């Protein structure tokens, strides 16, 4: 397991912390798709007992983030561009609905969220970029006034974080993403639900196309490297 995980501070229940550490590592790509992991290795790196690691791994398996490995241990679930594309279709519908409802309520998206996102996009911190993107969309979910949107969307964001972590190293799209976010926020602030929804649809379509295409290239490069190594 090549990823280096930071030890956790002593306490009695580590399950949530272990889950978050592993989720972040999987999302950022430091635990790459196809990586074999074992309960013992994780417990040793985090300096915790095996019990919370086992429970955290069960949660990750339930979320579809890890699968049984041939023989012993688990594998970080490989990324499938077709499945991610389907996932973006669902996310697009939710985001469009949230934007329309938020505009209808005259909501204002905090400008600091967009400013923070622009700063993150100029860095090499993939986790910061993912967190900033999630913060923007979560703000719209909250502003929609429908708590079921956020609850449903969070199930998909667990997997969307993974593909974002795999492709956000490409810097060409970072500025345009936050320009699109700013335009959506402006339409919501103006109370223009139709435009907010249309801009959101376009934003999601662009993200879907760019991320799925980029993911395909990343996976192709990985296969070539593996083939060359063998």
C-alpha atoms as a PDB file:
ATOM      1  CA  UNK A   1       0.000   0.000   0.000  1.00  0.00           C
ATOM      2  CA  UNK A   2       1.989   3.035  -1.249  1.00  0.00           C
ATOM      3  CA  UNK A   3      -0.070   5.816   0.339  1.00  0.00           C
ATOM      4  CA  UNK A   4       1.283   7.274   3.580  1.00  0.00           C
ATOM      5  CA  UNK A   5      -1.450   7.754   6.161  1.00  0.00           C
ATOM      6  CA  UNK A   6      -1.035   9.989   9.194  1.00  0.00           C
ATOM      7  CA  UNK A   7      -1.317   8.459  12.659  1.00  0.00           C
ATOM      8  CA  UNK A   8      -4.430   9.345  14.615  1.00  0.00           C
ATOM      9  CA  UNK A   9      -4.412  10.847  18.079  1.00  0.00           C
ATOM     10  CA  UNK A  10      -5.377   8.526  20.914  1.00  0.00           C
ATOM     11  CA  UNK A  11      -9.073   8.118  21.743  1.00  0.00           C
ATOM     12  CA  UNK A  12     -11.515   5.257  22.322  1.00  0.00           C
ATOM     13  CA  UNK A  13     -13.510   5.237  19.074  1.00  0.00           C
ATOM     14  CA  UNK A  14     -11.671   5.742  15.796  1.00  0.00           C
ATOM     15  CA  UNK A  15     -14.171   4.429  13.256  1.00  0.00           C
ATOM     16  CA  UNK A  16     -15.279   7.804  11.886  1.00  0.00           C
ATOM     17  CA  UNK A  17     -11.709   9.104  11.811  1.00  0.00           C
ATOM     18  CA  UNK A  18     -10.356   6.021  10.049  1.00  0.00           C
ATOM     19  CA  UNK A  19     -13.205   6.185   7.542  1.00  0.00           C
ATOM     20  CA  UNK A  20     -12.513   9.859   6.807  1.00  0.00           C
ATOM     21  CA  UNK A  21      -8.756   9.325   6.416  1.00  0.00           C
ATOM     22  CA  UNK A  22      -9.315   6.475   3.975  1.00  0.00           C
ATOM     23  CA  UNK A  23     -12.075   8.324   2.121  1.00  0.00           C
ATOM     24  CA  UNK A  24      -9.788  11.333   1.657  1.00  0.00           C
ATOM     25  CA  UNK A  25      -6.946   9.101   0.480  1.00  0.00           C
ATOM     26  CA  UNK A  26      -9.204   7.330  -2.018  1.00  0.00           C
ATOM     27  CA  UNK A  27     -10.731  10.611  -3.202  1.00  0.00           C
ATOM     28  CA  UNK A  28      -7.393  12.361  -3.707  1.00  0.00           C
ATOM     29  CA  UNK A  29      -5.965   9.378  -5.543  1.00  0.00           C
ATOM     30  CA  UNK A  30      -3.181   8.733  -3.041  1.00  0.00           C
ATOM     31  CA  UNK A  31      -4.917   5.389  -2.623  1.00  0.00           C
ATOM     32  CA  UNK A  32      -5.296   4.795  -6.346  1.00  0.00           C
ATOM     33  CA  UNK A  33      -7.986   2.639  -7.987  1.00  0.00           C
ATOM     34  CA  UNK A  34      -6.933  -0.986  -7.897  1.00  0.00           C
ATOM     35  CA  UNK A  35      -4.619  -0.522  -4.900  1.00  0.00           C
ATOM     36  CA  UNK A  36      -4.626  -3.536  -2.573  1.00  0.00           C
ATOM     37  CA  UNK A  37      -5.164  -2.673   1.080  1.00  0.00           C
ATOM     38  CA  UNK A  38      -5.280  -4.795   4.210  1.00  0.00           C
ATOM     39  CA  UNK A  39      -6.672  -4.248   7.662  1.00  0.00           C
ATOM     40  CA  UNK A  40      -3.254  -4.873   9.227  1.00  0.00           C
ATOM     41  CA  UNK A  41      -1.391  -2.352   7.061  1.00  0.00           C
ATOM     42  CA  UNK A  42      -3.898   0.410   7.723  1.00  0.00           C
ATOM     43  CA  UNK A  43      -3.973  -0.252  11.472  1.00  0.00           C
ATOM     44  CA  UNK A  44      -0.181  -0.109  11.588  1.00  0.00           C
ATOM     45  CA  UNK A  45       0.071   3.128   9.607  1.00  0.00           C
ATOM     46  CA  UNK A  46      -2.635   4.865  11.636  1.00  0.00           C
ATOM     47  CA  UNK A  47      -1.387   3.424  14.937  1.00  0.00           C
ATOM     48  CA  UNK A  48      -4.839   2.133  15.909  1.00  0.00           C
ATOM     49  CA  UNK A  49      -6.254  -1.300  16.656  1.00  0.00           C
ATOM     50  CA  UNK A  50      -7.681  -3.459  13.905  1.00  0.00           C
ATOM     51  CA  UNK A  51     -11.280  -3.246  15.118  1.00  0.00           C
ATOM     52  CA  UNK A  52     -12.070   0.348  14.018  1.00  0.00           C
ATOM     53  CA  UNK A  53     -10.197  -0.269  10.764  1.00  0.00           C
ATOM     54  CA  UNK A  54     -12.366  -3.315  10.081  1.00  0.00           C
ATOM     55  CA  UNK A  55     -15.531  -1.308  10.730  1.00  0.00           C
ATOM     56  CA  UNK A  56     -14.331   1.596   8.550  1.00  0.00           C
ATOM     57  CA  UNK A  57     -13.508  -0.801   5.717  1.00  0.00           C
ATOM     58  CA  UNK A  58     -16.973  -2.322   5.983  1.00  0.00           C
ATOM     59  CA  UNK A  59     -18.475   1.162   5.564  1.00  0.00           C
ATOM     60  CA  UNK A  60     -16.249   1.853   2.555  1.00  0.00           C
ATOM     61  CA  UNK A  61     -17.271  -1.479   1.049  1.00  0.00           C
ATOM     62  CA  UNK A  62     -20.934  -0.655   1.617  1.00  0.00           C
ATOM     63  CA  UNK A  63     -20.358   2.669  -0.178  1.00  0.00           C
ATOM     64  CA  UNK A  64     -18.801   0.796  -3.091  1.00  0.00           C
ATOM     65  CA  UNK A  65     -15.376   2.360  -2.593  1.00  0.00           C
ATOM     66  CA  UNK A  66     -13.538  -0.907  -1.923  1.00  0.00           C
ATOM     67  CA  UNK A  67     -14.140  -4.457  -3.136  1.00  0.00           C
ATOM     68  CA  UNK A  68     -12.852  -7.889  -2.194  1.00  0.00           C
ATOM     69  CA  UNK A  69      -9.421  -8.630  -3.625  1.00  0.00           C
ATOM     70  CA  UNK A  70      -8.481 -12.003  -5.082  1.00  0.00           C
ATOM     71  CA  UNK A  71      -7.046 -14.018  -2.222  1.00  0.00           C
ATOM     72  CA  UNK A  72      -6.757 -11.722   0.765  1.00  0.00           C
ATOM     73  CA  UNK A  73      -7.536  -8.105   1.536  1.00  0.00           C
ATOM     74  CA  UNK A  74      -9.435  -5.478  -0.419  1.00  0.00           C
ATOM     75  CA  UNK A  75      -8.951  -3.375  -3.540  1.00  0.00           C
ATOM     76  CA  UNK A  76      -9.815   0.271  -4.037  1.00  0.00           C
ATOM     77  CA  UNK A  77     -12.680   0.003  -6.520  1.00  0.00           C
ATOM     78  CA  UNK A  78     -11.584   0.730 -10.110  1.00  0.00           C
ATOM     79  CA  UNK A  79     -13.147   3.777 -11.756  1.00  0.00           C
ATOM     80  CA  UNK A  80     -15.567   3.138 -14.621  1.00  0.00           C
ATOM     81  CA  UNK A  81     -16.100   6.107 -16.992  1.00  0.00           C
ATOM     82  CA  UNK A  82     -19.509   4.819 -18.142  1.00  0.00           C
ATOM     83  CA  UNK A  83     -20.762   4.466 -14.569  1.00  0.00           C
ATOM     84  CA  UNK A  84     -19.432   7.930 -13.669  1.00  0.00           C
ATOM     85  CA  UNK A  85     -21.264   9.352 -16.678  1.00  0.00           C
ATOM     86  CA  UNK A  86     -24.528   7.862 -15.420  1.00  0.00           C
ATOM     87  CA  UNK A  87     -23.803   9.286 -11.983  1.00  0.00           C
ATOM     88  CA  UNK A  88     -23.391  12.778 -13.439  1.00  0.00           C
ATOM     89  CA  UNK A  89     -26.806  12.517 -15.088  1.00  0.00           C
ATOM     90  CA  UNK A  90     -28.382  12.024 -11.659  1.00  0.00           C
ATOM     91  CA  UNK A  91     -26.291  14.753 -10.078  1.00  0.00           C
ATOM     92  CA  UNK A  92     -27.199  17.153 -12.888  1.00  0.00           C
ATOM     93  CA  UNK A  93     -30.912  16.706 -12.253  1.00  0.00           C
ATOM     94  CA  UNK A  94     -30.477  17.324  -8.523  1.00  0.00           C
ATOM     95  CA  UNK A  95     -28.233  20.363  -8.995  1.00  0.00           C
ATOM     96  CA  UNK A  96     -30.588  21.929 -11.533  1.00  0.00           C
ATOM     97  CA  UNK A  97     -33.559  21.485  -9.204  1.00  0.00           C
ATOM     98  CA  UNK A  98     -31.588  22.931  -6.283  1.00  0.00           C
ATOM     99  CA  UNK A  99     -30.530  25.999  -8.293  1.00  0.00           C
ATOM    100  CA  UNK A 100     -34.094  26.655  -9.466  1.00  0.00           C
ATOM    101  CA  UNK A 101     -35.498  26.378  -5.932  1.00  0.00           C
ATOM    102  CA  UNK A 102     -32.714  28.530  -4.452  1.00  0.00           C
ATOM    103  CA  UNK A 103     -33.404  31.259  -7.009  1.00  0.00           C
ATOM    104  CA  UNK A 104     -37.101  31.093  -6.219  1.00  0.00           C
ATOM    105  CA  UNK A 105     -36.291  31.773  -2.570  1.00  0.00           C
ATOM    106  CA  UNK A 106     -34.068  34.740  -3.413  1.00  0.00           C
ATOM    107  CA  UNK A 107     -31.031  33.027  -1.905  1.00  0.00           C
ATOM    108  CA  UNK A 108     -27.559  34.563  -1.872  1.00  0.00           C
ATOM    109  CA  UNK A 109     -24.545  32.274  -2.183  1.00  0.00           C
ATOM    110  CA  UNK A 110     -21.710  33.489   0.009  1.00  0.00           C
ATOM    111  CA  UNK A 111     -19.099  35.172  -2.201  1.00  0.00           C
ATOM    112  CA  UNK A 112     -16.375  33.879   0.100  1.00  0.00           C
ATOM    113  CA  UNK A 113     -17.135  30.353  -1.137  1.00  0.00           C
ATOM    114  CA  UNK A 114     -16.363  31.360  -4.711  1.00  0.00           C
ATOM    115  CA  UNK A 115     -13.291  33.354  -3.687  1.00  0.00           C
ATOM    116  CA  UNK A 116     -11.995  30.377  -1.743  1.00  0.00           C
ATOM    117  CA  UNK A 117     -12.661  28.126  -4.724  1.00  0.00           C
ATOM    118  CA  UNK A 118     -10.694  30.381  -7.053  1.00  0.00           C
ATOM    119  CA  UNK A 119      -7.760  30.324  -4.631  1.00  0.00           C
ATOM    120  CA  UNK A 120      -7.906  26.543  -4.360  1.00  0.00           C
ATOM    121  CA  UNK A 121      -7.992  26.184  -8.147  1.00  0.00           C
ATOM    122  CA  UNK A 122      -4.615  27.940  -8.378  1.00  0.00           C
ATOM    123  CA  UNK A 123      -2.986  25.502  -5.964  1.00  0.00           C
ATOM    124  CA  UNK A 124      -1.827  21.916  -6.297  1.00  0.00           C
ATOM    125  CA  UNK A 125      -3.942  20.830  -3.336  1.00  0.00           C
ATOM    126  CA  UNK A 126      -6.440  18.385  -4.847  1.00  0.00           C
ATOM    127  CA  UNK A 127      -8.310  17.931  -1.560  1.00  0.00           C
ATOM    128  CA  UNK A 128      -8.747  21.708  -1.225  1.00  0.00           C
ATOM    129  CA  UNK A 129     -10.127  21.881  -4.765  1.00  0.00           C
ATOM    130  CA  UNK A 130     -12.588  19.081  -4.106  1.00  0.00           C
ATOM    131  CA  UNK A 131     -13.661  20.552  -0.764  1.00  0.00           C
ATOM    132  CA  UNK A 132     -14.200  23.984  -2.357  1.00  0.00           C
ATOM    133  CA  UNK A 133     -16.311  22.510  -5.152  1.00  0.00           C
ATOM    134  CA  UNK A 134     -18.405  20.563  -2.675  1.00  0.00           C
ATOM    135  CA  UNK A 135     -18.845  23.646  -0.484  1.00  0.00           C
ATOM    136  CA  UNK A 136     -20.296  25.588  -3.420  1.00  0.00           C
ATOM    137  CA  UNK A 137     -22.796  22.913  -4.391  1.00  0.00           C
ATOM    138  CA  UNK A 138     -23.707  22.191  -0.774  1.00  0.00           C
ATOM    139  CA  UNK A 139     -24.467  25.895  -0.335  1.00  0.00           C
ATOM    140  CA  UNK A 140     -26.972  25.677  -3.187  1.00  0.00           C
ATOM    141  CA  UNK A 141     -28.500  22.488  -1.788  1.00  0.00           C
ATOM    142  CA  UNK A 142     -29.006  24.262   1.545  1.00  0.00           C
ATOM    143  CA  UNK A 143     -30.343  27.395  -0.145  1.00  0.00           C
ATOM    144  CA  UNK A 144     -32.920  25.315  -2.020  1.00  0.00           C
ATOM    145  CA  UNK A 145     -34.816  24.758   1.206  1.00  0.00           C
ATOM    146  CA  UNK A 146     -35.303  21.059   0.380  1.00  0.00           C
ATOM    147  CA  UNK A 147     -33.182  18.924   2.722  1.00  0.00           C
ATOM    148  CA  UNK A 148     -33.803  15.796   0.643  1.00  0.00           C
ATOM    149  CA  UNK A 149     -31.709  17.215  -2.196  1.00  0.00           C
ATOM    150  CA  UNK A 150     -28.573  17.410  -0.047  1.00  0.00           C
ATOM    151  CA  UNK A 151     -29.280  14.027   1.509  1.00  0.00           C
ATOM    152  CA  UNK A 152     -29.622  12.378  -1.898  1.00  0.00           C
ATOM    153  CA  UNK A 153     -26.699  14.231  -3.470  1.00  0.00           C
ATOM    154  CA  UNK A 154     -24.284  13.237  -0.719  1.00  0.00           C
ATOM    155  CA  UNK A 155     -24.605   9.581  -1.716  1.00  0.00           C
ATOM    156  CA  UNK A 156     -23.301  10.484  -5.168  1.00  0.00           C
ATOM    157  CA  UNK A 157     -20.610  12.918  -4.033  1.00  0.00           C
ATOM    158  CA  UNK A 158     -18.755  10.091  -2.293  1.00  0.00           C
ATOM    159  CA  UNK A 159     -18.021   8.687  -5.759  1.00  0.00           C
ATOM    160  CA  UNK A 160     -17.749  12.015  -7.578  1.00  0.00           C
ATOM    161  CA  UNK A 161     -14.900  12.982  -5.254  1.00  0.00           C
ATOM    162  CA  UNK A 162     -12.953   9.998  -6.554  1.00  0.00           C
ATOM    163  CA  UNK A 163     -13.116  10.936 -10.209  1.00  0.00           C
ATOM    164  CA  UNK A 164     -12.383  14.565  -9.363  1.00  0.00           C
ATOM    165  CA  UNK A 165      -9.319  13.443  -7.441  1.00  0.00           C
ATOM    166  CA  UNK A 166      -8.181  11.407 -10.415  1.00  0.00           C
ATOM    167  CA  UNK A 167      -8.398  14.232 -12.960  1.00  0.00           C
ATOM    168  CA  UNK A 168      -8.103  17.600 -11.189  1.00  0.00           C
ATOM    169  CA  UNK A 169      -4.342  17.608 -11.640  1.00  0.00           C
ATOM    170  CA  UNK A 170      -5.130  18.978 -15.116  1.00  0.00           C
ATOM    171  CA  UNK A 171      -5.151  22.748 -14.614  1.00  0.00           C
ATOM    172  CA  UNK A 172      -6.779  23.853 -17.871  1.00  0.00           C
ATOM    173  CA  UNK A 173     -10.367  23.612 -16.628  1.00  0.00           C
ATOM    174  CA  UNK A 174      -9.949  25.046 -13.145  1.00  0.00           C
ATOM    175  CA  UNK A 175     -10.652  28.723 -13.936  1.00  0.00           C
ATOM    176  CA  UNK A 176     -13.633  27.969 -16.188  1.00  0.00           C
ATOM    177  CA  UNK A 177     -15.227  25.844 -13.470  1.00  0.00           C
ATOM    178  CA  UNK A 178     -15.288  28.746 -11.046  1.00  0.00           C
ATOM    179  CA  UNK A 179     -16.416  31.200 -13.727  1.00  0.00           C
ATOM    180  CA  UNK A 180     -19.389  28.890 -14.253  1.00  0.00           C
ATOM    181  CA  UNK A 181     -20.000  28.704 -10.499  1.00  0.00           C
ATOM    182  CA  UNK A 182     -19.982  32.512 -10.267  1.00  0.00           C
ATOM    183  CA  UNK A 183     -22.519  32.787 -13.096  1.00  0.00           C
ATOM    184  CA  UNK A 184     -24.832  30.279 -11.417  1.00  0.00           C
ATOM    185  CA  UNK A 185     -24.583  32.154  -8.101  1.00  0.00           C
ATOM    186  CA  UNK A 186     -25.405  35.435  -9.877  1.00  0.00           C
ATOM    187  CA  UNK A 187     -28.505  33.963 -11.534  1.00  0.00           C
ATOM    188  CA  UNK A 188     -29.676  32.594  -8.175  1.00  0.00           C
ATOM    189  CA  UNK A 189     -29.129  35.978  -6.505  1.00  0.00           C
ATOM    190  CA  UNK A 190     -31.155  37.644  -9.273  1.00  0.00           C
ATOM    191  CA  UNK A 191     -34.021  35.238  -8.649  1.00  0.00           C
ATOM    192  CA  UNK A 192     -33.860  33.917 -12.205  1.00  0.00           C
ATOM    193  CA  UNK A 193     -34.684  30.262 -11.652  1.00  0.00           C
ATOM    194  CA  UNK A 194     -34.786  29.319 -15.318  1.00  0.00           C
ATOM    195  CA  UNK A 195     -31.361  30.789 -16.055  1.00  0.00           C
ATOM    196  CA  UNK A 196     -29.904  29.313 -12.862  1.00  0.00           C
ATOM    197  CA  UNK A 197     -31.155  25.873 -13.890  1.00  0.00           C
ATOM    198  CA  UNK A 198     -29.923  26.268 -17.478  1.00  0.00           C
ATOM    199  CA  UNK A 199     -26.460  27.371 -16.345  1.00  0.00           C
ATOM    200  CA  UNK A 200     -26.354  24.483 -13.908  1.00  0.00           C
ATOM    201  CA  UNK A 201     -27.306  22.027 -16.654  1.00  0.00           C
ATOM    202  CA  UNK A 202     -24.530  23.413 -18.858  1.00  0.00           C
ATOM    203  CA  UNK A 203     -22.036  23.333 -16.000  1.00  0.00           C
ATOM    204  CA  UNK A 204     -22.844  19.715 -15.181  1.00  0.00           C
ATOM    205  CA  UNK A 205     -22.717  18.702 -18.850  1.00  0.00           C
ATOM    206  CA  UNK A 206     -19.290  20.336 -19.215  1.00  0.00           C
ATOM    207  CA  UNK A 207     -18.028  18.700 -16.021  1.00  0.00           C
ATOM    208  CA  UNK A 208     -19.378  15.334 -17.100  1.00  0.00           C
ATOM    209  CA  UNK A 209     -17.788  15.535 -20.548  1.00  0.00           C
ATOM    210  CA  UNK A 210     -14.428  16.848 -19.331  1.00  0.00           C
ATOM    211  CA  UNK A 211     -14.064  14.550 -16.345  1.00  0.00           C
ATOM    212  CA  UNK A 212     -15.194  11.403 -18.136  1.00  0.00           C
ATOM    213  CA  UNK A 213     -12.884  12.108 -21.090  1.00  0.00           C
ATOM    214  CA  UNK A 214      -9.993  12.933 -18.789  1.00  0.00           C
ATOM    215  CA  UNK A 215     -10.658   9.855 -16.702  1.00  0.00           C
ATOM    216  CA  UNK A 216     -10.544   7.735 -19.844  1.00  0.00           C
ATOM    217  CA  UNK A 217      -7.116   9.175 -20.669  1.00  0.00           C
ATOM    218  CA  UNK A 218      -5.857   8.595 -17.130  1.00  0.00           C
ATOM    219  CA  UNK A 219      -6.998   4.970 -17.170  1.00  0.00           C
ATOM    220  CA  UNK A 220      -5.498   4.452 -20.623  1.00  0.00           C
ATOM    221  CA  UNK A 221      -2.141   5.827 -19.455  1.00  0.00           C
ATOM    222  CA  UNK A 222      -2.255   3.565 -16.400  1.00  0.00           C
ATOM    223  CA  UNK A 223      -2.914   0.504 -18.569  1.00  0.00           C
ATOM    224  CA  UNK A 224       0.002   1.401 -20.835  1.00  0.00           C
ATOM    225  CA  UNK A 225       2.306   1.810 -17.846  1.00  0.00           C
ATOM    226  CA  UNK A 226       1.200  -1.526 -16.411  1.00  0.00           C
ATOM    227  CA  UNK A 227       1.674  -3.200 -19.789  1.00  0.00           C
ATOM    228  CA  UNK A 228       5.162  -1.696 -20.130  1.00  0.00           C
ATOM    229  CA  UNK A 229       6.121  -2.767 -16.628  1.00  0.00           C
ATOM    230  CA  UNK A 230       5.101  -6.339 -17.325  1.00  0.00           C
END
